[in-house]
Amino acid sequence: SSSEKRPTFAESHPESLLEDKPSEEPLGSSERMKAEILVLEEQNKELLAINKKWAKEYRTMEQYYKNKVQHLKEVSIQSEEEKSDEEERENTDRRTEVAELRARNTTLT
C-alpha cells in the first residue's frame, strides 16, 4: 500500500553496499560486515513490524468470525424453535379440528 515505507536502494540491493566503488577505497572486510549487519538489522525491524500488523489483523478477523459463527448458531437455534412451535400449533389445530369433527359426527349419528 502507499502508506508503507518503501525500502531504500541499499535495503533492496544490499549487495551494492559490498561492491567496490571505483572512486572510493574498497570497503574492508570489517566495514562490509558492518554494512551488511546494518541492512539486516533494518530488514529485521521491518519484518517484525509487518509481523505485528499481520498478527493484529489475524486477531481482528478471528474475533469477527467467532462472533459471526455465534450469531449464526443463535439464529439457527431460534429458527428451529420457531419451526417447532409452528409444528406444535399445527398439531394442536389438527387435534382441535378432529375433536370438533367427531363431536359433529356424534350428533349426526
C-alpha atoms as a PDB file:
ATOM      1  CA  SER A   1       0.000   0.000   0.000  1.00  0.00           C
ATOM      2  CA  SER A   2       1.084   3.579  -0.450  1.00  0.00           C
ATOM      3  CA  SER A   3       1.367   4.235   3.301  1.00  0.00           C
ATOM      4  CA  GLU A   4       4.006   1.530   3.751  1.00  0.00           C
ATOM      5  CA  LYS A   5       7.644   2.587   3.714  1.00  0.00           C
ATOM      6  CA  ARG A   6       9.397   1.667   0.504  1.00  0.00           C
ATOM      7  CA  PRO A   7      12.769   0.005   1.001  1.00  0.00           C
ATOM      8  CA  THR A   8      15.804   2.107   0.247  1.00  0.00           C
ATOM      9  CA  PHE A   9      18.090   1.103  -2.581  1.00  0.00           C
ATOM     10  CA  ALA A  10      20.600  -0.220  -0.054  1.00  0.00           C
ATOM     11  CA  GLU A  11      17.897  -2.264   1.654  1.00  0.00           C
ATOM     12  CA  SER A  12      16.586  -3.803  -1.537  1.00  0.00           C
ATOM     13  CA  HIS A  13      20.071  -4.231  -3.030  1.00  0.00           C
ATOM     14  CA  PRO A  14      22.368  -4.971  -0.065  1.00  0.00           C
ATOM     15  CA  GLU A  15      24.994  -6.347  -2.412  1.00  0.00           C
ATOM     16  CA  SER A  16      25.511  -2.785  -3.669  1.00  0.00           C
ATOM     17  CA  LEU A  17      26.952  -1.868  -0.284  1.00  0.00           C
ATOM     18  CA  LEU A  18      29.527  -4.579  -0.691  1.00  0.00           C
ATOM     19  CA  GLU A  19      30.697  -3.628  -4.179  1.00  0.00           C
ATOM     20  CA  ASP A  20      33.955  -1.778  -4.559  1.00  0.00           C
ATOM     21  CA  LYS A  21      33.424   1.731  -5.804  1.00  0.00           C
ATOM     22  CA  PRO A  22      35.984   2.915  -8.356  1.00  0.00           C
ATOM     23  CA  SER A  23      36.275   6.391  -6.826  1.00  0.00           C
ATOM     24  CA  GLU A  24      36.414   5.134  -3.239  1.00  0.00           C
ATOM     25  CA  GLU A  25      38.657   2.955  -1.194  1.00  0.00           C
ATOM     26  CA  PRO A  26      37.405  -0.651  -1.243  1.00  0.00           C
ATOM     27  CA  LEU A  27      35.478  -1.480   1.884  1.00  0.00           C
ATOM     28  CA  GLY A  28      37.433  -3.649   4.269  1.00  0.00           C
ATOM     29  CA  SER A  29      36.073  -6.936   5.482  1.00  0.00           C
ATOM     30  CA  SER A  30      35.044  -5.342   8.776  1.00  0.00           C
ATOM     31  CA  GLU A  31      33.309  -2.456   7.020  1.00  0.00           C
ATOM     32  CA  ARG A  32      31.489  -4.835   4.700  1.00  0.00           C
ATOM     33  CA  MET A  33      30.211  -6.833   7.642  1.00  0.00           C
ATOM     34  CA  LYS A  34      29.083  -3.680   9.441  1.00  0.00           C
ATOM     35  CA  ALA A  35      27.211  -2.528   6.344  1.00  0.00           C
ATOM     36  CA  GLU A  36      25.625  -5.942   5.942  1.00  0.00           C
ATOM     37  CA  ILE A  37      24.660  -6.030   9.632  1.00  0.00           C
ATOM     38  CA  LEU A  38      23.005  -2.615   9.334  1.00  0.00           C
ATOM     39  CA  VAL A  39      20.978  -3.767   6.341  1.00  0.00           C
ATOM     40  CA  LEU A  40      19.986  -6.996   8.069  1.00  0.00           C
ATOM     41  CA  GLU A  41      19.004  -5.161  11.251  1.00  0.00           C
ATOM     42  CA  GLU A  42      16.817  -2.780   9.240  1.00  0.00           C
ATOM     43  CA  GLN A  43      15.209  -5.686   7.384  1.00  0.00           C
ATOM     44  CA  ASN A  44      14.624  -7.435  10.716  1.00  0.00           C
ATOM     45  CA  LYS A  45      12.863  -4.337  12.099  1.00  0.00           C
ATOM     46  CA  GLU A  46      10.671  -4.135   9.004  1.00  0.00           C
ATOM     47  CA  LEU A  47       9.771  -7.822   9.194  1.00  0.00           C
ATOM     48  CA  LEU A  48       8.891  -7.521  12.874  1.00  0.00           C
ATOM     49  CA  ALA A  49       6.673  -4.516  12.138  1.00  0.00           C
ATOM     50  CA  ILE A  50       4.929  -6.394   9.315  1.00  0.00           C
ATOM     51  CA  ASN A  51       4.535  -9.453  11.542  1.00  0.00           C
ATOM     52  CA  LYS A  52       2.968  -7.297  14.254  1.00  0.00           C
ATOM     53  CA  LYS A  53       0.472  -5.820  11.751  1.00  0.00           C
ATOM     54  CA  TRP A  54      -0.447  -9.284  10.461  1.00  0.00           C
ATOM     55  CA  ALA A  55      -0.873 -10.629  13.996  1.00  0.00           C
ATOM     56  CA  LYS A  56      -3.244  -7.774  14.812  1.00  0.00           C
ATOM     57  CA  GLU A  57      -5.188  -8.335  11.574  1.00  0.00           C
ATOM     58  CA  TYR A  58      -5.399 -12.068  12.310  1.00  0.00           C
ATOM     59  CA  ARG A  59      -6.775 -11.475  15.821  1.00  0.00           C
ATOM     60  CA  THR A  60      -9.316  -8.996  14.458  1.00  0.00           C
ATOM     61  CA  MET A  61     -10.525 -11.408  11.767  1.00  0.00           C
ATOM     62  CA  GLU A  62     -10.564 -14.343  14.194  1.00  0.00           C
ATOM     63  CA  GLN A  63     -12.811 -12.397  16.584  1.00  0.00           C
ATOM     64  CA  TYR A  64     -15.042 -11.253  13.710  1.00  0.00           C
ATOM     65  CA  TYR A  65     -15.629 -14.811  12.515  1.00  0.00           C
ATOM     66  CA  LYS A  66     -16.119 -16.178  16.044  1.00  0.00           C
ATOM     67  CA  ASN A  67     -18.843 -13.572  16.541  1.00  0.00           C
ATOM     68  CA  LYS A  68     -20.368 -14.370  13.149  1.00  0.00           C
ATOM     69  CA  VAL A  69     -20.451 -18.122  13.872  1.00  0.00           C
ATOM     70  CA  GLN A  70     -22.007 -17.487  17.297  1.00  0.00           C
ATOM     71  CA  HIS A  71     -24.656 -15.246  15.724  1.00  0.00           C
ATOM     72  CA  LEU A  72     -25.482 -17.833  13.053  1.00  0.00           C
ATOM     73  CA  LYS A  73     -25.785 -20.551  15.702  1.00  0.00           C
ATOM     74  CA  GLU A  74     -28.196 -18.368  17.670  1.00  0.00           C
ATOM     75  CA  VAL A  75     -30.235 -17.641  14.533  1.00  0.00           C
ATOM     76  CA  SER A  76     -30.312 -21.350  13.704  1.00  0.00           C
ATOM     77  CA  ILE A  77     -31.471 -22.287  17.209  1.00  0.00           C
ATOM     78  CA  GLN A  78     -34.129 -19.571  17.132  1.00  0.00           C
ATOM     79  CA  SER A  79     -35.302 -20.748  13.716  1.00  0.00           C
ATOM     80  CA  GLU A  80     -35.538 -24.354  14.933  1.00  0.00           C
ATOM     81  CA  GLU A  81     -37.513 -23.235  17.992  1.00  0.00           C
ATOM     82  CA  GLU A  82     -39.906 -21.220  15.823  1.00  0.00           C
ATOM     83  CA  LYS A  83     -40.321 -24.178  13.475  1.00  0.00           C
ATOM     84  CA  SER A  84     -41.005 -26.478  16.419  1.00  0.00           C
ATOM     85  CA  ASP A  85     -43.527 -24.009  17.879  1.00  0.00           C
ATOM     86  CA  GLU A  86     -45.277 -23.732  14.492  1.00  0.00           C
ATOM     87  CA  GLU A  87     -45.466 -27.525  14.164  1.00  0.00           C
ATOM     88  CA  GLU A  88     -46.885 -27.765  17.694  1.00  0.00           C
ATOM     89  CA  ARG A  89     -49.542 -25.137  16.841  1.00  0.00           C
ATOM     90  CA  GLU A  90     -50.449 -27.047  13.671  1.00  0.00           C
ATOM     91  CA  ASN A  91     -50.754 -30.303  15.640  1.00  0.00           C
ATOM     92  CA  THR A  92     -52.923 -28.590  18.253  1.00  0.00           C
ATOM     93  CA  ASP A  93     -55.124 -27.112  15.497  1.00  0.00           C
ATOM     94  CA  ARG A  94     -55.493 -30.562  13.903  1.00  0.00           C
ATOM     95  CA  ARG A  95     -56.388 -32.162  17.232  1.00  0.00           C
ATOM     96  CA  THR A  96     -58.983 -29.462  17.850  1.00  0.00           C
ATOM     97  CA  GLU A  97     -60.395 -29.912  14.345  1.00  0.00           C
ATOM     98  CA  VAL A  98     -60.537 -33.706  14.779  1.00  0.00           C
ATOM     99  CA  ALA A  99     -62.326 -33.312  18.126  1.00  0.00           C
ATOM    100  CA  GLU A 100     -64.845 -30.884  16.575  1.00  0.00           C
ATOM    101  CA  LEU A 101     -65.480 -33.232  13.630  1.00  0.00           C
ATOM    102  CA  ARG A 102     -66.013 -36.175  15.992  1.00  0.00           C
ATOM    103  CA  ALA A 103     -68.418 -34.094  18.074  1.00  0.00           C
ATOM    104  CA  ARG A 104     -70.405 -33.175  14.924  1.00  0.00           C
ATOM    105  CA  ASN A 105     -70.303 -36.768  13.733  1.00  0.00           C
ATOM    106  CA  THR A 106     -71.606 -37.974  17.095  1.00  0.00           C
ATOM    107  CA  THR A 107     -74.508 -35.514  16.955  1.00  0.00           C
ATOM    108  CA  LEU A 108     -75.351 -36.607  13.399  1.00  0.00           C
ATOM    109  CA  THR A 109     -75.490 -40.305  14.221  1.00  0.00           C
END
